Amino acid sequence: MNEETVVAAIKNYAAKPDKNLFSLYEYATKFSVLSAVKRYMEVLL
């Protein structure tokens, strides 16, 4: 998966009114991408 796809997915998720950041961070931890997800979400929110 390329970076553009990941960024687009995170932007779409951040725009959702029913987003669950707790679940997002749990999955990010399981897949060892928490720091990257946090970085993008801090900018978008």
Protein backbone atom coordinates (compact mmCIF):
# COMPACT_ATOMS: atom_id res chain seq x y z
CA MET A 1 0.00 0.00 0.00
CA ASN A 2 1.46 3.37 -0.91
CA GLU A 3 1.52 6.48 1.26
CA GLU A 4 -1.07 8.33 -0.84
CA THR A 5 -3.62 5.57 -0.23
CA VAL A 6 -2.98 5.60 3.51
CA VAL A 7 -3.23 9.39 3.74
CA ALA A 8 -6.49 9.38 1.76
CA ALA A 9 -7.93 6.72 4.06
CA ILE A 10 -6.96 8.64 7.18
CA LYS A 11 -8.44 11.86 5.77
CA ASN A 12 -11.70 10.08 5.00
CA TYR A 13 -11.80 8.58 8.48
CA ALA A 14 -11.08 11.95 10.13
CA ALA A 15 -14.00 13.50 8.23
CA LYS A 16 -16.51 10.92 9.51
CA PRO A 17 -18.82 12.22 12.23
CA ASP A 18 -18.95 8.80 13.92
CA LYS A 19 -15.21 8.13 14.08
CA ASN A 20 -13.92 6.14 17.04
CA LEU A 21 -10.40 7.29 17.80
CA PHE A 22 -9.98 4.74 20.57
CA SER A 23 -10.56 1.87 18.12
CA LEU A 24 -8.35 3.52 15.51
CA TYR A 25 -5.49 3.78 18.00
CA GLU A 26 -6.02 0.17 19.14
CA TYR A 27 -5.72 -1.10 15.55
CA ALA A 28 -2.77 1.20 14.86
CA THR A 29 -1.00 -0.25 17.91
CA LYS A 30 -1.68 -3.83 16.76
CA PHE A 31 -0.24 -3.07 13.32
CA SER A 32 2.71 -1.06 14.70
CA VAL A 33 1.75 2.17 12.94
CA LEU A 34 0.55 4.18 15.92
CA SER A 35 3.12 6.97 15.60
CA ALA A 36 2.26 7.53 11.93
CA VAL A 37 -1.49 7.50 12.60
CA LYS A 38 -1.11 9.94 15.50
CA ARG A 39 0.97 12.27 13.35
CA TYR A 40 -1.65 12.44 10.62
CA MET A 41 -4.61 12.65 13.00
CA GLU A 42 -3.03 15.52 14.96
CA VAL A 43 -2.82 17.51 11.76
CA LEU A 44 -6.34 16.66 10.58
CA LEU A 45 -8.22 17.19 13.84
